[in-house]
C-alpha cells in the first residue's frame, strides 16, 4: 500500500546529538547510516559482503525530500534494472501536493504517486499510477471526544485503521493509547494496542488475532516494558496464553556527552548488537558552559 514520503532523522535510530555516522554490525553484514549536520539521514548502506551492497541516498531542499536513489550492487557492479530513483515535486501554493516519479536506472518507468493534503496539512489521498492500472488510496479522519481515528482505504476497500486517545491516571500521569487494526480484502485480520507514557516510551503492547468463529478480535500476545529511572529499557515480559517469558536488556554506552549505546545485549538469548558512532565536531563553546 502506498505511503507518504518519509524523512528520517537521527532520533529515528535511537541516536542523540550531532551524529555523523552510525555503523551497526549485524549477522548478515553491516548497516551504515550517514547524516548531515541538521540531523537528516543522507545515506544508508546495507553491506552484505565486500562485493554486494544496497545503497540509498537522500537529497533535500529546504528540509523537504526531493530525491531518493536506491542503488543495488552485485559483484561491485550496479544493477540498473533493480536500482531505482524517486523524484519528488512539491507544490504548496494552495494545499500541499507532492508528485513522486519512480524510474529504474535503465530509464524504465515504474510508477507515479501523487499525494494530496487537506487544509490542515494531513494527507487525504494518494493516486498511484502503474503501467497497467491506477489505484487510489484515501485517508479518512474522524474525531469523537478525545479519540482521533484514521482509516485507510485502497480503491474503496479498507486496509487499516488507527485510533489514538489519552488516559489520565490517578497520579496525574498521561498515557497515550494507539489501537491499530489491519484488514485483508476488507476483512479484519489482526490488531495491536500500544500504550505509551508522555515521553513516548512503550509501557504495554497487546496483540490480537481476529477470530472468525467468534467474529471478534481475541488476545494473542502481551508485552510489558520495564525501564530504569533514566528511561533505559531493562526488560520485556511476554505472555502468550499461559506461557510467560522475560528478555533482559543490557546496554553499554559510549563516552560522549550524548550517551548513545554502542552495545545491546539481550538475555537469555545471549544475542547482541554493536554500533560504531562518529560525531560532527562541535566547537567547545557550543557544547560546554564556559563557567
Protein backbone atom coordinates (compact mmCIF):
# COMPACT_ATOMS: atom_id res chain seq x y z
CA UNK A 1 0.00 0.00 0.00
CA UNK A 2 1.29 3.45 -0.92
CA UNK A 3 2.71 5.54 1.93
CA UNK A 4 3.54 9.18 2.46
CA UNK A 5 7.18 10.11 1.69
CA UNK A 6 9.06 9.96 4.97
CA UNK A 7 12.08 11.92 6.13
CA UNK A 8 14.35 10.14 8.63
CA UNK A 9 16.40 11.91 11.30
CA UNK A 10 18.92 10.96 13.96
CA UNK A 11 16.27 10.32 16.64
CA UNK A 12 14.59 7.68 14.44
CA UNK A 13 17.65 5.46 15.02
CA UNK A 14 17.84 5.68 18.83
CA UNK A 15 20.62 8.24 18.49
CA UNK A 16 21.25 11.57 20.20
CA UNK A 17 23.47 14.51 19.45
CA UNK A 18 25.35 15.60 16.29
CA UNK A 19 25.81 12.10 14.86
CA UNK A 20 27.70 12.00 11.56
CA UNK A 21 27.51 8.24 11.02
CA UNK A 22 26.41 5.07 12.79
CA UNK A 23 27.58 1.60 11.77
CA UNK A 24 25.51 -1.33 13.04
CA UNK A 25 27.17 -4.75 12.98
CA UNK A 26 24.67 -7.49 12.04
CA UNK A 27 24.80 -11.23 11.44
CA UNK A 28 24.49 -10.66 7.67
CA UNK A 29 27.00 -7.84 7.36
CA UNK A 30 26.57 -4.26 8.50
CA UNK A 31 24.24 -1.29 8.19
CA UNK A 32 25.77 2.18 7.82
CA UNK A 33 23.69 5.33 8.38
CA UNK A 34 25.09 8.76 7.50
CA UNK A 35 23.57 12.12 8.49
CA UNK A 36 24.04 15.78 7.66
CA UNK A 37 24.68 18.44 10.32
CA UNK A 38 20.94 19.17 10.54
CA UNK A 39 20.36 15.56 11.60
CA UNK A 40 18.76 14.32 8.38
CA UNK A 41 19.60 10.86 7.02
CA UNK A 42 21.51 11.38 3.76
CA UNK A 43 22.75 7.85 3.04
CA UNK A 44 22.11 4.31 4.23
CA UNK A 45 24.15 1.28 3.18
CA UNK A 46 23.42 -2.40 3.70
CA UNK A 47 26.77 -4.16 3.22
CA UNK A 48 26.34 -7.92 2.74
CA UNK A 49 29.99 -8.60 1.84
CA UNK A 50 32.84 -6.87 0.05
CA UNK A 51 31.08 -7.07 -3.33
CA UNK A 52 27.33 -6.95 -2.63
CA UNK A 53 25.54 -3.97 -1.12
CA UNK A 54 22.43 -1.81 -1.31
CA UNK A 55 22.76 1.97 -1.01
CA UNK A 56 20.01 4.56 -0.57
CA UNK A 57 20.91 8.25 -1.00
CA UNK A 58 18.54 11.03 0.16
CA UNK A 59 18.62 14.59 -1.16
CA UNK A 60 16.75 17.53 0.41
CA UNK A 61 15.75 21.07 -0.38
CA UNK A 62 14.55 23.28 2.49
CA UNK A 63 14.23 20.13 4.64
CA UNK A 64 11.90 18.54 2.05
CA UNK A 65 12.85 15.27 0.37
CA UNK A 66 13.38 15.89 -3.37
CA UNK A 67 15.22 12.76 -4.49
CA UNK A 68 15.86 9.22 -3.27
CA UNK A 69 18.27 6.93 -5.11
CA UNK A 70 18.26 3.20 -4.33
CA UNK A 71 21.34 1.52 -5.80
CA UNK A 72 21.89 -2.24 -5.77
CA UNK A 73 25.37 -3.63 -6.39
CA UNK A 74 26.16 -7.25 -7.24
CA UNK A 75 29.83 -8.21 -7.52
CA UNK A 76 30.59 -4.46 -7.28
CA UNK A 77 28.53 -3.81 -10.44
CA UNK A 78 25.46 -1.57 -10.35
CA UNK A 79 22.29 -3.50 -11.28
CA UNK A 80 20.48 -0.85 -13.31
CA UNK A 81 17.29 -2.90 -13.71
CA UNK A 82 16.66 -3.19 -9.95
CA UNK A 83 18.14 0.19 -8.92
CA UNK A 84 15.53 2.95 -8.66
CA UNK A 85 15.32 6.73 -8.44
CA UNK A 86 12.42 8.54 -6.77
CA UNK A 87 11.96 12.18 -7.79
CA UNK A 88 9.68 14.45 -5.74
CA UNK A 89 7.99 17.66 -6.89
CA UNK A 90 6.40 19.70 -4.10
CA UNK A 91 3.72 22.37 -4.60
CA UNK A 92 2.47 24.39 -1.62
CA UNK A 93 0.79 27.28 -3.47
CA UNK A 94 -2.61 26.09 -2.19
CA UNK A 95 -2.90 22.92 -0.14
CA UNK A 96 0.23 20.79 -0.18
CA UNK A 97 0.71 18.47 -3.17
CA UNK A 98 3.61 16.10 -3.90
CA UNK A 99 4.25 14.20 -7.12
CA UNK A 100 6.63 11.25 -6.92
CA UNK A 101 8.05 9.65 -10.06
CA UNK A 102 9.81 6.28 -9.76
CA UNK A 103 12.08 5.10 -12.59
CA UNK A 104 14.83 2.50 -12.83
CA UNK A 105 18.44 3.41 -13.58
CA UNK A 106 17.97 2.00 -17.08
CA UNK A 107 15.21 4.63 -17.52
CA UNK A 108 12.24 2.26 -17.31
CA UNK A 109 9.10 3.81 -15.80
CA UNK A 110 7.95 2.04 -12.65
CA UNK A 111 5.18 4.15 -11.14
CA UNK A 112 3.95 7.63 -10.29
CA UNK A 113 2.39 8.63 -6.98
CA UNK A 114 0.50 11.84 -6.26
CA UNK A 115 -0.07 12.93 -2.67
CA UNK A 116 -2.91 15.33 -1.84
CA UNK A 117 -3.14 17.07 1.56
CA UNK A 118 -6.06 18.87 3.17
CA UNK A 119 -6.06 22.41 4.58
CA UNK A 120 -4.87 21.07 7.96
CA UNK A 121 -1.77 19.58 6.32
CA UNK A 122 -2.97 15.99 6.69
CA UNK A 123 -2.59 13.52 3.85
CA UNK A 124 -6.03 12.65 2.47
CA UNK A 125 -5.45 10.94 -0.90
CA UNK A 126 -2.76 9.13 -2.91
CA UNK A 127 -3.14 8.35 -6.61
CA UNK A 128 -0.80 5.57 -7.76
CA UNK A 129 -0.31 5.14 -11.50
CA UNK A 130 1.29 1.96 -12.86
CA UNK A 131 1.70 0.80 -16.44
CA UNK A 132 -1.41 -1.36 -16.14
CA UNK A 133 -3.63 0.42 -13.62
CA UNK A 134 -4.42 3.43 -11.49
CA UNK A 135 -5.10 2.89 -7.78
CA UNK A 136 -6.48 5.35 -5.25
CA UNK A 137 -5.64 5.35 -1.57
CA UNK A 138 -7.86 7.56 0.59
CA UNK A 139 -7.42 8.51 4.23
CA UNK A 140 -10.38 9.45 6.41
CA UNK A 141 -10.12 11.20 9.79
CA UNK A 142 -12.80 11.31 12.45
CA UNK A 143 -12.90 12.77 15.97
CA UNK A 144 -15.01 11.52 18.87
CA UNK A 145 -14.37 13.29 22.18
CA UNK A 146 -10.61 12.80 22.77
CA UNK A 147 -10.30 9.92 20.27
CA UNK A 148 -8.88 10.52 16.79
CA UNK A 149 -9.37 7.73 14.24
CA UNK A 150 -7.62 7.41 10.90
CA UNK A 151 -8.88 4.91 8.29
CA UNK A 152 -7.02 3.99 5.10
CA UNK A 153 -8.83 2.62 2.03
CA UNK A 154 -7.40 1.33 -1.24
CA UNK A 155 -9.84 1.53 -4.15
CA UNK A 156 -12.66 1.79 -1.63
CA UNK A 157 -11.62 -1.26 0.42
CA UNK A 158 -10.44 -0.67 3.98
CA UNK A 159 -6.81 -1.62 4.62
CA UNK A 160 -6.17 -0.38 8.15
CA UNK A 161 -7.45 1.85 10.92
CA UNK A 162 -5.72 3.55 13.82
CA UNK A 163 -7.38 5.11 16.87
CA UNK A 164 -5.40 7.40 19.16
CA UNK A 165 -6.51 8.52 22.59
CA UNK A 166 -5.16 9.52 26.00
CA UNK A 167 -5.89 8.38 29.54
CA UNK A 168 -5.18 10.30 32.74
CA UNK A 169 -4.14 8.19 35.73
CA UNK A 170 -4.91 9.00 39.37
CA UNK A 171 -1.33 10.18 39.92
CA UNK A 172 -1.75 12.71 37.11
CA UNK A 173 0.34 10.84 34.57
CA UNK A 174 -0.92 10.76 30.98
CA UNK A 175 -0.89 7.58 28.91
CA UNK A 176 -1.08 7.61 25.13
CA UNK A 177 -3.06 4.72 23.63
CA UNK A 178 -2.88 3.66 19.99
CA UNK A 179 -5.06 0.86 18.58
CA UNK A 180 -4.16 -0.22 15.05
CA UNK A 181 -6.21 -2.76 13.09
CA UNK A 182 -5.12 -4.45 9.84
CA UNK A 183 -7.54 -5.82 7.24
CA UNK A 184 -7.14 -8.31 4.37
CA UNK A 185 -9.53 -7.92 1.43
CA UNK A 186 -11.61 -5.66 3.65
CA UNK A 187 -11.91 -8.26 6.43
CA UNK A 188 -10.37 -7.77 9.91
CA UNK A 189 -7.17 -9.78 10.37
CA UNK A 190 -5.02 -8.59 13.28
CA UNK A 191 -4.58 -5.69 15.66
CA UNK A 192 -2.19 -4.24 18.22
CA UNK A 193 -2.90 -1.85 21.08
CA UNK A 194 0.14 0.14 22.25
CA UNK A 195 0.26 2.12 25.49
CA UNK A 196 2.99 4.75 25.91
CA UNK A 197 3.90 7.28 28.56
CA UNK A 198 4.16 11.02 27.96
CA UNK A 199 7.76 10.62 26.71
CA UNK A 200 6.71 8.03 24.12
CA UNK A 201 8.18 5.03 25.95
CA UNK A 202 6.16 1.86 25.37
CA UNK A 203 4.50 0.51 28.51
CA UNK A 204 2.39 -2.30 27.08
CA UNK A 205 1.61 -3.92 23.75
CA UNK A 206 -1.40 -6.21 23.31
CA UNK A 207 -1.56 -8.18 20.05
CA UNK A 208 -4.84 -9.60 18.73
CA UNK A 209 -5.92 -12.05 16.03
CA UNK A 210 -9.38 -11.94 14.52
CA UNK A 211 -11.49 -15.00 15.40
CA UNK A 212 -13.90 -15.54 12.50
CA UNK A 213 -16.00 -18.01 14.53
CA UNK A 214 -16.49 -15.51 17.36
CA UNK A 215 -16.47 -12.55 14.94
CA UNK A 216 -14.17 -10.55 17.19
CA UNK A 217 -10.54 -9.81 17.98
CA UNK A 218 -9.07 -12.11 20.63
CA UNK A 219 -5.80 -11.62 22.57
CA UNK A 220 -2.78 -13.43 21.12
CA UNK A 221 0.24 -11.97 22.94
CA UNK A 222 1.02 -9.30 25.52
CA UNK A 223 4.30 -7.48 26.09
CA UNK A 224 5.15 -5.35 29.11
CA UNK A 225 8.16 -3.00 29.09
CA UNK A 226 10.21 -2.01 32.14
CA UNK A 227 12.77 0.83 32.28
CA UNK A 228 15.30 2.18 34.73
CA UNK A 229 14.99 5.67 36.23
CA UNK A 230 16.77 7.17 33.21
CA UNK A 231 14.32 5.62 30.75
CA UNK A 232 16.67 2.86 29.58
CA UNK A 233 14.94 -0.42 28.71
CA UNK A 234 15.61 -3.12 31.32
CA UNK A 235 13.29 -5.97 30.39
CA UNK A 236 10.33 -7.07 28.30
CA UNK A 237 7.85 -9.60 29.70
CA UNK A 238 5.96 -11.76 27.21
CA UNK A 239 2.66 -13.56 27.82
CA UNK A 240 1.26 -15.95 25.19
CA UNK A 241 -1.67 -17.91 26.57
CA UNK A 242 -0.40 -19.49 29.78
CA UNK A 243 3.24 -19.27 28.72
CA UNK A 244 5.38 -16.46 30.14
CA UNK A 245 8.95 -15.40 29.40
CA UNK A 246 11.29 -12.48 30.01
CA UNK A 247 14.01 -10.86 27.95
CA UNK A 248 16.56 -8.69 29.71
CA UNK A 249 18.44 -5.85 28.03
CA UNK A 250 21.93 -4.69 28.96
CA UNK A 251 23.40 -1.59 27.30
CA UNK A 252 26.94 -0.31 27.05
CA UNK A 253 27.27 3.41 26.28
CA UNK A 254 29.93 5.48 24.60
CA UNK A 255 31.94 8.11 26.48
CA UNK A 256 30.39 11.04 24.62
CA UNK A 257 28.16 13.58 26.42
CA UNK A 258 25.24 12.27 24.32
CA UNK A 259 25.19 8.81 25.98
CA UNK A 260 24.47 6.71 22.90
CA UNK A 261 24.59 2.96 23.33
CA UNK A 262 27.28 1.06 21.44
CA UNK A 263 26.35 -2.46 22.51
CA UNK A 264 22.98 -4.01 23.32
CA UNK A 265 22.95 -7.47 24.89
CA UNK A 266 19.72 -9.49 25.10
CA UNK A 267 19.43 -12.39 27.53
CA UNK A 268 18.70 -15.27 27.88
CA UNK A 269 19.22 -15.37 24.07
CA UNK A 270 22.76 -14.03 24.57
CA UNK A 271 22.34 -12.13 21.30
CA UNK A 272 23.84 -8.69 20.87
CA UNK A 273 24.07 -5.70 18.56
CA UNK A 274 27.09 -3.40 18.36
CA UNK A 275 27.30 0.13 16.94
CA UNK A 276 30.17 2.39 15.96
CA UNK A 277 29.23 6.09 16.17
CA UNK A 278 31.03 9.11 14.71
CA UNK A 279 30.06 12.68 15.63
CA UNK A 280 30.41 16.02 13.91
CA UNK A 281 33.00 18.18 15.63
CA UNK A 282 31.29 20.94 17.60
CA UNK A 283 33.14 23.96 18.96
CA UNK A 284 33.73 23.82 22.73
CA UNK A 285 31.73 26.98 23.48
CA UNK A 286 28.68 25.40 21.81
CA UNK A 287 28.66 22.27 23.94
CA UNK A 288 30.03 23.33 27.34
CA UNK A 289 29.30 26.04 29.85
CA UNK A 290 32.46 28.21 29.99
CA UNK A 291 31.79 28.79 33.68
